[in-house]
Amino acid sequence: MKRLYLFFGAAALAAALTAPMSVNAQENGNRDEFGNIVRGPYETNGFGDNWFVGIGGGINVFLNNGDDAKIGPSLDVNFGKWFTPSIGARAGYQGLDFNSVLDGNAATVGYMYFHGDLLWNASNTFGGYKETRFWNLVPYLHGGFFRAFETDMDYADNELALGAGLLHNLRVTERLDVIIDMRATVVNGRIHGSDGAAVLPSITAGIAYD
């Protein structure tokens, strides 16, 4: 359980460190002539505009059926598009390993999660679009195909999964962002050979190119 507390403590620390950065001075770029925040309407972009691709790495824990949580490695690869300053979508891959217990034995289980995400830029929604904003907070919903496998025990299972996440998007340059992605994925416990629902929280950090 200490590792589980460490995991959530790291997630909370990441949020705490980035939150104060959002309280930066507003610029005229998202204000009208009266000083009011402009929240739209906005001109929608063309098909080739506002695409992004990102990659990150971090950790996950697998929570199922009372098993002791153990930390495993996680890899994220995503690409997507912003349709408006507040609404976007992306497709992604999450994978590598989670550590758990299978048939009474400790096991390192490989997994692949191919998912689609619906993104909502809360910072742009409430604060108006601002290209130079350093920190954007992006909650999202996700769902897709989850596969777990253990080659030594000849075990594999495929399930549908869904969940929610919180994306911290930190602007470094006009084209480059640092991303901190906090996600929880819910999947049927059959993926692990047991009953009930399993949860896979993860936190990754990486970069995105716009």
Foldseek 3Di string as FASTA:
>chain_A
DVVVVVQVVVVVVVCVVCVVLQPDDDDCVQADPVRDGHLDDDDWDDPPPAKKKWKWKFWKWKDDDPWDTDIDIKIKIKIWGDRGLFKIKIWIKMWDWYWTAAPNHTATKTKIWTKMKIKTFVCCNVRNDDLPRFKTKIKIKMKGKMKIAGVVVRDIDIWIKIWIKIKIWGDDDSFKTKIKIWIKMKTACVRRPDGDIMIMTIIIITMMTD
